[in-house]
Amino acid sequence: KTYVVPGFQAGGIYRLETVVPVAGGKALNVAKTARLLGVPEVICTGFVAGRTGDWIRKDLEARGIQEDFLEVAGESREDILVVDPSGGAETRLLEPGITVDAPAVEKLVRRVGELARASDLLVLAGSLPHGVGDDLYARLVGEVRRSGGRVFLDAEGEALRQAVSAGPDLIKVNEEEFAALTGRAARGPEELAGLGRKVLSRGNLVVTLGGRGAVWVGPEAALLAEAPPVAPLMTVGSGDAFLGGYAVAVLRGDDPPQALALGVAAGTANTLCLRPGVVEPGSVEALRAKVRIAPLALEARQPDR
């Protein structure tokens, strides 16, 4: 849920005027953006539990998104987001969530393989539940590739580190996640692109820069996308909206500059809404025309010895 609380401070008592309930989480936010931008068939899978899980299913169904979740014991978590529009501060309270056992994990791996064979693109995104090893995303990337599918990844920490070596078609991270992955904070877009090139074993990398835009790195080129300035209502879910927009562009055959522009436009449009992953298509198109794309210099690769 999102609570809008002007002047919010810890320790106060507030009467809520605006409460925005919505099924969230990285993968679900990506799915919502993709559906709103015209992808006719979007399917979500993963783990859900309890009454909250039932509500998630119904919310996605109402948005025209198919669900293929695995039911597990417990209760899917509810997160609280408190937005202070007067100061722009965002406070997040995250419940611990469910614990998943080994048989459920194996069932998910098989399910992802089945979906990969029937889909044009899979997006793996979000934190891993308790009981799941850090190698799960690496396993899922491998499963998709063995099935002949394309796979995008948005993860962090050790799960990201292990999955990178499995070779997803796209890795999407923010600046903090990228710094943790490489062990250093880049001093600018050019240095970031150089570090990103060293990370890639295959595929492409995108590092989102918040309200400034994003950097795309491929095997032989790199691009900087500058986002148009806006007055954001909320930033949570904007990286997910970026990935949803980028995925939509890839599905329709756009080249990297076009995909990057649509991703940045979708991420920016999401900041104008109080629902993570929700964008207004007209706003996305208007913002896309204002995204500036420029090439970044890359050093020549050193030959293998």
C-alpha atoms as a PDB file:
ATOM      1  CA  LYS A   1       0.000   0.000   0.000  1.00  0.00           C
ATOM      2  CA  THR A   2       1.035   3.588  -0.612  1.00  0.00           C
ATOM      3  CA  TYR A   3       0.105   6.190   1.988  1.00  0.00           C
ATOM      4  CA  VAL A   4       0.349   9.871   1.028  1.00  0.00           C
ATOM      5  CA  VAL A   5       1.198  11.814   4.204  1.00  0.00           C
ATOM      6  CA  PRO A   6       2.232  15.488   3.824  1.00  0.00           C
ATOM      7  CA  GLY A   7       4.828  16.476   6.415  1.00  0.00           C
ATOM      8  CA  PHE A   8       5.360  12.894   7.599  1.00  0.00           C
ATOM      9  CA  GLN A   9       7.725  12.465  10.547  1.00  0.00           C
ATOM     10  CA  ALA A  10       8.412   9.431  12.713  1.00  0.00           C
ATOM     11  CA  GLY A  11       6.508   9.505  15.999  1.00  0.00           C
ATOM     12  CA  GLY A  12       3.537  11.508  14.726  1.00  0.00           C
ATOM     13  CA  ILE A  13      -0.146  10.620  14.366  1.00  0.00           C
ATOM     14  CA  TYR A  14      -1.669  11.137  10.919  1.00  0.00           C
ATOM     15  CA  ARG A  15      -5.166  10.749   9.500  1.00  0.00           C
ATOM     16  CA  LEU A  16      -4.786   9.281   6.043  1.00  0.00           C
ATOM     17  CA  GLU A  17      -6.604  10.921   3.158  1.00  0.00           C
ATOM     18  CA  THR A  18      -4.987   8.974   0.302  1.00  0.00           C
ATOM     19  CA  VAL A  19      -4.380   5.205   0.417  1.00  0.00           C
ATOM     20  CA  VAL A  20      -3.335   3.461  -2.806  1.00  0.00           C
ATOM     21  CA  PRO A  21      -3.491  -0.368  -2.691  1.00  0.00           C
ATOM     22  CA  VAL A  22      -1.731  -2.157  -5.543  1.00  0.00           C
ATOM     23  CA  ALA A  23      -0.084  -5.505  -6.224  1.00  0.00           C
ATOM     24  CA  GLY A  24       3.620  -4.702  -6.364  1.00  0.00           C
ATOM     25  CA  GLY A  25       7.099  -6.144  -6.491  1.00  0.00           C
ATOM     26  CA  LYS A  26       9.677  -5.793  -9.241  1.00  0.00           C
ATOM     27  CA  ALA A  27       8.394  -8.456 -11.623  1.00  0.00           C
ATOM     28  CA  LEU A  28       4.770  -7.427 -11.203  1.00  0.00           C
ATOM     29  CA  ASN A  29       5.663  -3.788 -11.830  1.00  0.00           C
ATOM     30  CA  VAL A  30       7.477  -4.761 -15.037  1.00  0.00           C
ATOM     31  CA  ALA A  31       4.414  -6.738 -16.115  1.00  0.00           C
ATOM     32  CA  LYS A  32       2.039  -3.841 -15.441  1.00  0.00           C
ATOM     33  CA  THR A  33       4.139  -1.435 -17.478  1.00  0.00           C
ATOM     34  CA  ALA A  34       4.453  -3.869 -20.385  1.00  0.00           C
ATOM     35  CA  ARG A  35       0.709  -4.488 -20.427  1.00  0.00           C
ATOM     36  CA  LEU A  36      -0.101  -0.771 -20.337  1.00  0.00           C
ATOM     37  CA  LEU A  37       2.285  -0.171 -23.243  1.00  0.00           C
ATOM     38  CA  GLY A  38       0.474  -2.637 -25.440  1.00  0.00           C
ATOM     39  CA  VAL A  39       1.926  -6.127 -24.949  1.00  0.00           C
ATOM     40  CA  PRO A  40      -1.169  -8.298 -25.522  1.00  0.00           C
ATOM     41  CA  GLU A  41      -0.134 -11.315 -23.447  1.00  0.00           C
ATOM     42  CA  VAL A  42       1.779 -10.935 -20.187  1.00  0.00           C
ATOM     43  CA  ILE A  43       2.159 -13.803 -17.706  1.00  0.00           C
ATOM     44  CA  CYS A  44       3.512 -13.623 -14.143  1.00  0.00           C
ATOM     45  CA  THR A  45       4.898 -16.552 -12.192  1.00  0.00           C
ATOM     46  CA  GLY A  46       6.649 -16.967  -8.865  1.00  0.00           C
ATOM     47  CA  PHE A  47       5.487 -17.753  -5.337  1.00  0.00           C
ATOM     48  CA  VAL A  48       2.351 -16.451  -3.607  1.00  0.00           C
ATOM     49  CA  ALA A  49       0.686 -17.397  -0.344  1.00  0.00           C
ATOM     50  CA  GLY A  50      -2.458 -16.807   1.696  1.00  0.00           C
ATOM     51  CA  ARG A  51      -5.090 -14.110   1.369  1.00  0.00           C
ATOM     52  CA  THR A  52      -2.576 -11.577   0.124  1.00  0.00           C
ATOM     53  CA  GLY A  53      -1.603 -14.010  -2.612  1.00  0.00           C
ATOM     54  CA  ASP A  54      -5.255 -14.346  -3.624  1.00  0.00           C
ATOM     55  CA  TRP A  55      -5.551 -10.550  -3.774  1.00  0.00           C
ATOM     56  CA  ILE A  56      -2.443 -10.341  -5.971  1.00  0.00           C
ATOM     57  CA  ARG A  57      -3.992 -12.809  -8.422  1.00  0.00           C
ATOM     58  CA  LYS A  58      -7.227 -10.808  -8.589  1.00  0.00           C
ATOM     59  CA  ASP A  59      -5.432  -7.485  -9.014  1.00  0.00           C
ATOM     60  CA  LEU A  60      -3.384  -8.802 -11.931  1.00  0.00           C
ATOM     61  CA  GLU A  61      -6.465 -10.363 -13.526  1.00  0.00           C
ATOM     62  CA  ALA A  62      -8.220  -6.995 -13.373  1.00  0.00           C
ATOM     63  CA  ARG A  63      -5.261  -5.493 -15.254  1.00  0.00           C
ATOM     64  CA  GLY A  64      -5.414  -8.087 -18.021  1.00  0.00           C
ATOM     65  CA  ILE A  65      -2.298  -9.904 -16.805  1.00  0.00           C
ATOM     66  CA  GLN A  66      -2.304 -13.695 -16.653  1.00  0.00           C
ATOM     67  CA  GLU A  67      -0.953 -15.420 -13.556  1.00  0.00           C
ATOM     68  CA  ASP A  68       0.767 -18.780 -13.285  1.00  0.00           C
ATOM     69  CA  PHE A  69       1.901 -18.605  -9.660  1.00  0.00           C
ATOM     70  CA  LEU A  70       2.937 -21.433  -7.390  1.00  0.00           C
ATOM     71  CA  GLU A  71       1.017 -21.513  -4.104  1.00  0.00           C
ATOM     72  CA  VAL A  72       3.145 -22.038  -0.987  1.00  0.00           C
ATOM     73  CA  ALA A  73       2.508 -21.964   2.755  1.00  0.00           C
ATOM     74  CA  GLY A  74       2.407 -18.727   4.713  1.00  0.00           C
ATOM     75  CA  GLU A  75       1.348 -15.254   3.669  1.00  0.00           C
ATOM     76  CA  SER A  76       2.704 -13.074   0.870  1.00  0.00           C
ATOM     77  CA  ARG A  77       4.173  -9.942   2.350  1.00  0.00           C
ATOM     78  CA  GLU A  78       2.562  -6.532   2.395  1.00  0.00           C
ATOM     79  CA  ASP A  79       4.858  -3.542   2.069  1.00  0.00           C
ATOM     80  CA  ILE A  80       4.048  -0.032   3.211  1.00  0.00           C
ATOM     81  CA  LEU A  81       5.244   3.026   1.300  1.00  0.00           C
ATOM     82  CA  VAL A  82       4.780   6.441   2.922  1.00  0.00           C
ATOM     83  CA  VAL A  83       5.134   9.350   0.494  1.00  0.00           C
ATOM     84  CA  ASP A  84       5.527  12.926   1.717  1.00  0.00           C
ATOM     85  CA  PRO A  85       4.635  15.116  -1.285  1.00  0.00           C
ATOM     86  CA  SER A  86       5.685  18.286   0.530  1.00  0.00           C
ATOM     87  CA  GLY A  87       9.307  17.203   0.935  1.00  0.00           C
ATOM     88  CA  GLY A  88       9.611  14.384  -1.592  1.00  0.00           C
ATOM     89  CA  ALA A  89      10.673  11.844   1.051  1.00  0.00           C
ATOM     90  CA  GLU A  90       9.715   8.179   0.684  1.00  0.00           C
ATOM     91  CA  THR A  91       9.683   5.737   3.605  1.00  0.00           C
ATOM     92  CA  ARG A  92       9.400   1.989   2.964  1.00  0.00           C
ATOM     93  CA  LEU A  93       8.419  -0.689   5.480  1.00  0.00           C
ATOM     94  CA  LEU A  94       9.022  -4.221   4.192  1.00  0.00           C
ATOM     95  CA  GLU A  95       7.522  -7.315   5.821  1.00  0.00           C
ATOM     96  CA  PRO A  96       9.690 -10.478   5.986  1.00  0.00           C
ATOM     97  CA  GLY A  97       7.604 -12.488   3.520  1.00  0.00           C
ATOM     98  CA  ILE A  98       7.352 -16.221   2.889  1.00  0.00           C
ATOM     99  CA  THR A  99       9.793 -19.109   3.241  1.00  0.00           C
ATOM    100  CA  VAL A 100      10.066 -21.514   0.306  1.00  0.00           C
ATOM    101  CA  ASP A 101      11.221 -25.141   0.471  1.00  0.00           C
ATOM    102  CA  ALA A 102      13.379 -27.062  -2.017  1.00  0.00           C
ATOM    103  CA  PRO A 103      10.522 -28.916  -3.807  1.00  0.00           C
ATOM    104  CA  ALA A 104       8.793 -25.601  -4.546  1.00  0.00           C
ATOM    105  CA  VAL A 105      12.041 -24.180  -5.944  1.00  0.00           C
ATOM    106  CA  GLU A 106      12.455 -27.161  -8.275  1.00  0.00           C
ATOM    107  CA  LYS A 107       8.875 -26.759  -9.428  1.00  0.00           C
ATOM    108  CA  LEU A 108       9.540 -23.107 -10.241  1.00  0.00           C
ATOM    109  CA  VAL A 109      12.644 -24.002 -12.263  1.00  0.00           C
ATOM    110  CA  ARG A 110      10.556 -26.411 -14.347  1.00  0.00           C
ATOM    111  CA  ARG A 111       7.770 -23.862 -14.721  1.00  0.00           C
ATOM    112  CA  VAL A 112      10.183 -21.196 -15.970  1.00  0.00           C
ATOM    113  CA  GLY A 113      11.578 -23.635 -18.524  1.00  0.00           C
ATOM    114  CA  GLU A 114       8.063 -24.332 -19.795  1.00  0.00           C
ATOM    115  CA  LEU A 115       7.266 -20.632 -20.044  1.00  0.00           C
ATOM    116  CA  ALA A 116      10.552 -19.948 -21.830  1.00  0.00           C
ATOM    117  CA  ARG A 117       9.644 -22.379 -24.592  1.00  0.00           C
ATOM    118  CA  ALA A 118       6.283 -20.656 -25.095  1.00  0.00           C
ATOM    119  CA  SER A 119       7.334 -17.011 -24.675  1.00  0.00           C
ATOM    120  CA  ASP A 120       9.238 -14.362 -26.617  1.00  0.00           C
ATOM    121  CA  LEU A 121      10.974 -12.955 -23.531  1.00  0.00           C
ATOM    122  CA  LEU A 122      11.287 -13.699 -19.811  1.00  0.00           C
ATOM    123  CA  VAL A 123      12.107 -11.089 -17.164  1.00  0.00           C
ATOM    124  CA  LEU A 124      13.549 -12.293 -13.857  1.00  0.00           C
ATOM    125  CA  ALA A 125      13.278  -9.604 -11.204  1.00  0.00           C
ATOM    126  CA  GLY A 126      13.041  -9.048  -7.481  1.00  0.00           C
ATOM    127  CA  SER A 127      14.487 -10.201  -4.189  1.00  0.00           C
ATOM    128  CA  LEU A 128      14.579 -13.908  -3.425  1.00  0.00           C
ATOM    129  CA  PRO A 129      12.349 -15.334  -0.661  1.00  0.00           C
ATOM    130  CA  HIS A 130      13.688 -17.005   2.460  1.00  0.00           C
ATOM    131  CA  GLY A 131      14.823 -20.583   1.934  1.00  0.00           C
ATOM    132  CA  VAL A 132      16.015 -19.984  -1.623  1.00  0.00           C
ATOM    133  CA  GLY A 133      19.708 -20.230  -2.488  1.00  0.00           C
ATOM    134  CA  ASP A 134      21.592 -17.335  -4.049  1.00  0.00           C
ATOM    135  CA  ASP A 135      22.095 -19.484  -7.150  1.00  0.00           C
ATOM    136  CA  LEU A 136      18.403 -19.496  -8.118  1.00  0.00           C
ATOM    137  CA  TYR A 137      18.610 -16.710 -10.692  1.00  0.00           C
ATOM    138  CA  ALA A 138      21.697 -18.297 -12.230  1.00  0.00           C
ATOM    139  CA  ARG A 139      19.764 -21.564 -12.512  1.00  0.00           C
ATOM    140  CA  LEU A 140      16.753 -19.833 -14.038  1.00  0.00           C
ATOM    141  CA  VAL A 141      18.878 -17.944 -16.572  1.00  0.00           C
ATOM    142  CA  GLY A 142      20.484 -21.245 -17.546  1.00  0.00           C
ATOM    143  CA  GLU A 143      17.075 -22.901 -17.836  1.00  0.00           C
ATOM    144  CA  VAL A 144      15.789 -20.164 -20.149  1.00  0.00           C
ATOM    145  CA  ARG A 145      18.875 -20.302 -22.339  1.00  0.00           C
ATOM    146  CA  ARG A 146      18.680 -24.100 -22.631  1.00  0.00           C
ATOM    147  CA  SER A 147      15.061 -23.663 -23.689  1.00  0.00           C
ATOM    148  CA  GLY A 148      16.126 -21.258 -26.438  1.00  0.00           C
ATOM    149  CA  GLY A 149      14.513 -18.207 -24.858  1.00  0.00           C
ATOM    150  CA  ARG A 150      15.618 -14.642 -24.171  1.00  0.00           C
ATOM    151  CA  VAL A 151      15.979 -13.516 -20.574  1.00  0.00           C
ATOM    152  CA  PHE A 152      16.401 -10.155 -18.830  1.00  0.00           C
ATOM    153  CA  LEU A 153      17.589  -9.960 -15.218  1.00  0.00           C
ATOM    154  CA  ASP A 154      17.080  -7.348 -12.490  1.00  0.00           C
ATOM    155  CA  ALA A 155      18.623  -8.544  -9.222  1.00  0.00           C
ATOM    156  CA  GLU A 156      21.135  -7.508  -6.577  1.00  0.00           C
ATOM    157  CA  GLY A 157      23.804  -8.833  -4.250  1.00  0.00           C
ATOM    158  CA  GLU A 158      25.123 -12.369  -4.444  1.00  0.00           C
ATOM    159  CA  ALA A 159      22.146 -13.545  -6.503  1.00  0.00           C
ATOM    160  CA  LEU A 160      23.095 -11.002  -9.180  1.00  0.00           C
ATOM    161  CA  ARG A 161      26.778 -11.858  -8.988  1.00  0.00           C
ATOM    162  CA  GLN A 162      26.137 -15.549  -9.615  1.00  0.00           C
ATOM    163  CA  ALA A 163      23.567 -14.924 -12.346  1.00  0.00           C
ATOM    164  CA  VAL A 164      25.875 -12.655 -14.364  1.00  0.00           C
ATOM    165  CA  SER A 165      28.103 -15.606 -15.228  1.00  0.00           C
ATOM    166  CA  ALA A 166      25.066 -17.485 -16.580  1.00  0.00           C
ATOM    167  CA  GLY A 167      24.852 -14.900 -19.373  1.00  0.00           C
ATOM    168  CA  PRO A 168      21.421 -13.229 -19.423  1.00  0.00           C
ATOM    169  CA  ASP A 169      20.562 -11.230 -22.532  1.00  0.00           C
ATOM    170  CA  LEU A 170      20.201  -8.079 -20.434  1.00  0.00           C
ATOM    171  CA  ILE A 171      21.291  -7.142 -16.928  1.00  0.00           C
ATOM    172  CA  LYS A 172      19.455  -4.149 -15.419  1.00  0.00           C
ATOM    173  CA  VAL A 173      20.778  -2.599 -12.208  1.00  0.00           C
ATOM    174  CA  ASN A 174      20.844   0.792 -10.533  1.00  0.00           C
ATOM    175  CA  GLU A 175      23.999   2.691  -9.587  1.00  0.00           C
ATOM    176  CA  GLU A 176      24.199   1.280  -6.067  1.00  0.00           C
ATOM    177  CA  GLU A 177      23.716  -2.310  -7.237  1.00  0.00           C
ATOM    178  CA  PHE A 178      26.314  -1.827  -9.963  1.00  0.00           C
ATOM    179  CA  ALA A 179      28.844  -0.408  -7.489  1.00  0.00           C
ATOM    180  CA  ALA A 180      28.309  -3.410  -5.220  1.00  0.00           C
ATOM    181  CA  LEU A 181      28.793  -5.744  -8.186  1.00  0.00           C
ATOM    182  CA  THR A 182      32.020  -4.135  -9.422  1.00  0.00           C
ATOM    183  CA  GLY A 183      33.423  -3.090  -6.058  1.00  0.00           C
ATOM    184  CA  ARG A 184      33.698   0.592  -6.960  1.00  0.00           C
ATOM    185  CA  ALA A 185      31.524   3.607  -7.671  1.00  0.00           C
ATOM    186  CA  ALA A 186      31.937   4.979 -11.184  1.00  0.00           C
ATOM    187  CA  ARG A 187      32.842   8.664 -11.409  1.00  0.00           C
ATOM    188  CA  GLY A 188      30.817   9.298 -14.526  1.00  0.00           C
ATOM    189  CA  PRO A 189      28.980   7.647 -17.430  1.00  0.00           C
ATOM    190  CA  GLU A 190      32.176   6.869 -19.373  1.00  0.00           C
ATOM    191  CA  GLU A 191      33.820   5.101 -16.442  1.00  0.00           C
ATOM    192  CA  LEU A 192      30.573   3.297 -15.722  1.00  0.00           C
ATOM    193  CA  ALA A 193      30.445   2.056 -19.310  1.00  0.00           C
ATOM    194  CA  GLY A 194      34.042   0.859 -19.115  1.00  0.00           C
ATOM    195  CA  LEU A 195      33.373  -1.055 -15.915  1.00  0.00           C
ATOM    196  CA  GLY A 196      30.190  -2.475 -17.394  1.00  0.00           C
ATOM    197  CA  ARG A 197      32.009  -3.855 -20.380  1.00  0.00           C
ATOM    198  CA  LYS A 198      34.260  -5.847 -18.065  1.00  0.00           C
ATOM    199  CA  VAL A 199      31.214  -7.357 -16.349  1.00  0.00           C
ATOM    200  CA  LEU A 200      29.557  -8.654 -19.506  1.00  0.00           C
ATOM    201  CA  SER A 201      30.230 -12.175 -20.697  1.00  0.00           C
ATOM    202  CA  ARG A 202      27.400 -11.822 -23.249  1.00  0.00           C
ATOM    203  CA  GLY A 203      24.335  -9.702 -23.804  1.00  0.00           C
ATOM    204  CA  ASN A 204      23.842  -6.113 -22.721  1.00  0.00           C
ATOM    205  CA  LEU A 205      23.873  -4.094 -19.504  1.00  0.00           C
ATOM    206  CA  VAL A 206      21.754  -1.141 -18.408  1.00  0.00           C
ATOM    207  CA  VAL A 207      22.539   0.942 -15.334  1.00  0.00           C
ATOM    208  CA  THR A 208      19.708   3.281 -14.386  1.00  0.00           C
ATOM    209  CA  LEU A 209      20.717   6.666 -12.967  1.00  0.00           C
ATOM    210  CA  GLY A 210      17.511   7.715 -11.243  1.00  0.00           C
ATOM    211  CA  GLY A 211      16.142  10.982 -12.580  1.00  0.00           C
ATOM    212  CA  ARG A 212      19.247  11.512 -14.730  1.00  0.00           C
ATOM    213  CA  GLY A 213      18.541   8.664 -17.160  1.00  0.00           C
ATOM    214  CA  ALA A 214      20.470   5.475 -17.891  1.00  0.00           C
ATOM    215  CA  VAL A 215      23.621   4.013 -19.429  1.00  0.00           C
ATOM    216  CA  TRP A 216      23.439   1.114 -21.894  1.00  0.00           C
ATOM    217  CA  VAL A 217      26.496  -1.049 -22.563  1.00  0.00           C
ATOM    218  CA  GLY A 218      26.775  -3.602 -25.353  1.00  0.00           C
ATOM    219  CA  PRO A 219      29.679  -5.685 -26.678  1.00  0.00           C
ATOM    220  CA  GLU A 220      31.003  -2.931 -28.951  1.00  0.00           C
ATOM    221  CA  ALA A 221      29.188   0.277 -27.993  1.00  0.00           C
ATOM    222  CA  ALA A 222      27.746   2.269 -25.110  1.00  0.00           C
ATOM    223  CA  LEU A 223      25.008   4.902 -24.890  1.00  0.00           C
ATOM    224  CA  LEU A 224      23.900   7.558 -22.426  1.00  0.00           C
ATOM    225  CA  ALA A 225      20.206   8.427 -22.222  1.00  0.00           C
ATOM    226  CA  GLU A 226      19.374  11.707 -20.491  1.00  0.00           C
ATOM    227  CA  ALA A 227      15.896  11.812 -18.961  1.00  0.00           C
ATOM    228  CA  PRO A 228      13.718  14.902 -19.391  1.00  0.00           C
ATOM    229  CA  PRO A 229      13.202  16.869 -16.157  1.00  0.00           C
ATOM    230  CA  VAL A 230       9.888  16.335 -14.347  1.00  0.00           C
ATOM    231  CA  ALA A 231       8.424  17.020 -10.898  1.00  0.00           C
ATOM    232  CA  PRO A 232       8.168  13.479  -9.469  1.00  0.00           C
ATOM    233  CA  LEU A 233       5.373  12.377  -7.156  1.00  0.00           C
ATOM    234  CA  MET A 234       7.114   9.103  -6.276  1.00  0.00           C
ATOM    235  CA  THR A 235      10.167   7.192  -7.495  1.00  0.00           C
ATOM    236  CA  VAL A 236       9.448   3.654  -6.234  1.00  0.00           C
ATOM    237  CA  GLY A 237       8.968   1.268  -9.154  1.00  0.00           C
ATOM    238  CA  SER A 238      10.517   3.566 -11.741  1.00  0.00           C
ATOM    239  CA  GLY A 239      13.399   1.183 -12.428  1.00  0.00           C
ATOM    240  CA  ASP A 240      10.837  -1.561 -12.973  1.00  0.00           C
ATOM    241  CA  ALA A 241       8.857   0.669 -15.328  1.00  0.00           C
ATOM    242  CA  PHE A 242      12.106   1.332 -17.203  1.00  0.00           C
ATOM    243  CA  LEU A 243      12.623  -2.402 -17.660  1.00  0.00           C
ATOM    244  CA  GLY A 244       9.025  -2.871 -18.755  1.00  0.00           C
ATOM    245  CA  GLY A 245       9.374  -0.150 -21.373  1.00  0.00           C
ATOM    246  CA  TYR A 246      12.719  -1.462 -22.562  1.00  0.00           C
ATOM    247  CA  ALA A 247      11.274  -4.969 -22.891  1.00  0.00           C
ATOM    248  CA  VAL A 248       8.325  -3.677 -24.916  1.00  0.00           C
ATOM    249  CA  ALA A 249      10.700  -1.976 -27.343  1.00  0.00           C
ATOM    250  CA  VAL A 250      12.808  -5.119 -27.729  1.00  0.00           C
ATOM    251  CA  LEU A 251       9.710  -7.237 -28.372  1.00  0.00           C
ATOM    252  CA  ARG A 252       8.668  -4.985 -31.225  1.00  0.00           C
ATOM    253  CA  GLY A 253      12.140  -5.038 -32.775  1.00  0.00           C
ATOM    254  CA  ASP A 254      13.489  -1.624 -31.789  1.00  0.00           C
ATOM    255  CA  ASP A 255      17.252  -1.036 -31.815  1.00  0.00           C
ATOM    256  CA  PRO A 256      19.174  -0.242 -28.577  1.00  0.00           C
ATOM    257  CA  PRO A 257      18.819   3.571 -28.802  1.00  0.00           C
ATOM    258  CA  GLN A 258      15.066   3.273 -29.341  1.00  0.00           C
ATOM    259  CA  ALA A 259      14.694   0.703 -26.565  1.00  0.00           C
ATOM    260  CA  LEU A 260      16.736   2.837 -24.191  1.00  0.00           C
ATOM    261  CA  ALA A 261      14.621   5.900 -24.976  1.00  0.00           C
ATOM    262  CA  LEU A 262      11.358   4.055 -24.351  1.00  0.00           C
ATOM    263  CA  GLY A 263      12.713   2.595 -21.119  1.00  0.00           C
ATOM    264  CA  VAL A 264      13.790   5.991 -19.787  1.00  0.00           C
ATOM    265  CA  ALA A 265      10.467   7.520 -20.834  1.00  0.00           C
ATOM    266  CA  ALA A 266       8.510   4.778 -19.042  1.00  0.00           C
ATOM    267  CA  GLY A 267      10.618   5.095 -15.911  1.00  0.00           C
ATOM    268  CA  THR A 268      10.144   8.857 -15.914  1.00  0.00           C
ATOM    269  CA  ALA A 269       6.398   8.550 -16.514  1.00  0.00           C
ATOM    270  CA  ASN A 270       6.116   6.239 -13.514  1.00  0.00           C
ATOM    271  CA  THR A 271       7.372   9.024 -11.230  1.00  0.00           C
ATOM    272  CA  LEU A 272       4.242  10.994 -12.123  1.00  0.00           C
ATOM    273  CA  CYS A 273       1.961   8.315 -10.641  1.00  0.00           C
ATOM    274  CA  LEU A 274       1.447   6.970  -7.102  1.00  0.00           C
ATOM    275  CA  ARG A 275       1.225   3.348  -8.272  1.00  0.00           C
ATOM    276  CA  PRO A 276       4.549   1.553  -8.896  1.00  0.00           C
ATOM    277  CA  GLY A 277       4.797   0.201 -12.426  1.00  0.00           C
ATOM    278  CA  VAL A 278       1.794   2.174 -13.653  1.00  0.00           C
ATOM    279  CA  VAL A 279       2.317   4.600 -16.533  1.00  0.00           C
ATOM    280  CA  GLU A 280       0.070   6.640 -18.798  1.00  0.00           C
ATOM    281  CA  PRO A 281       0.908   5.634 -22.400  1.00  0.00           C
ATOM    282  CA  GLY A 282       0.399   9.156 -23.745  1.00  0.00           C
ATOM    283  CA  SER A 283       2.847  10.541 -21.202  1.00  0.00           C
ATOM    284  CA  VAL A 284       5.378   7.866 -22.120  1.00  0.00           C
ATOM    285  CA  GLU A 285       5.237   8.812 -25.790  1.00  0.00           C
ATOM    286  CA  ALA A 286       5.531  12.522 -25.022  1.00  0.00           C
ATOM    287  CA  LEU A 287       8.500  11.934 -22.727  1.00  0.00           C
ATOM    288  CA  ARG A 288      10.213   9.602 -25.182  1.00  0.00           C
ATOM    289  CA  ALA A 289      10.464  12.441 -27.695  1.00  0.00           C
ATOM    290  CA  LYS A 290      12.401  14.427 -25.080  1.00  0.00           C
ATOM    291  CA  VAL A 291      14.923  11.719 -24.125  1.00  0.00           C
ATOM    292  CA  ARG A 292      18.407  12.574 -25.414  1.00  0.00           C
ATOM    293  CA  ILE A 293      20.629   9.690 -26.556  1.00  0.00           C
ATOM    294  CA  ALA A 294      24.380  10.112 -26.999  1.00  0.00           C
ATOM    295  CA  PRO A 295      27.224   7.629 -27.639  1.00  0.00           C
ATOM    296  CA  LEU A 296      29.840   7.004 -24.964  1.00  0.00           C
ATOM    297  CA  ALA A 297      33.485   6.311 -25.753  1.00  0.00           C
ATOM    298  CA  LEU A 298      34.732   2.793 -25.027  1.00  0.00           C
ATOM    299  CA  GLU A 299      38.320   1.645 -24.912  1.00  0.00           C
ATOM    300  CA  ALA A 300      39.236  -1.043 -27.415  1.00  0.00           C
ATOM    301  CA  ARG A 301      39.120  -4.558 -26.002  1.00  0.00           C
ATOM    302  CA  GLN A 302      42.469  -6.105 -25.273  1.00  0.00           C
ATOM    303  CA  PRO A 303      43.096  -9.334 -27.230  1.00  0.00           C
ATOM    304  CA  ASP A 304      43.035 -12.561 -25.220  1.00  0.00           C
ATOM    305  CA  ARG A 305      46.451 -14.027 -24.492  1.00  0.00           C
END
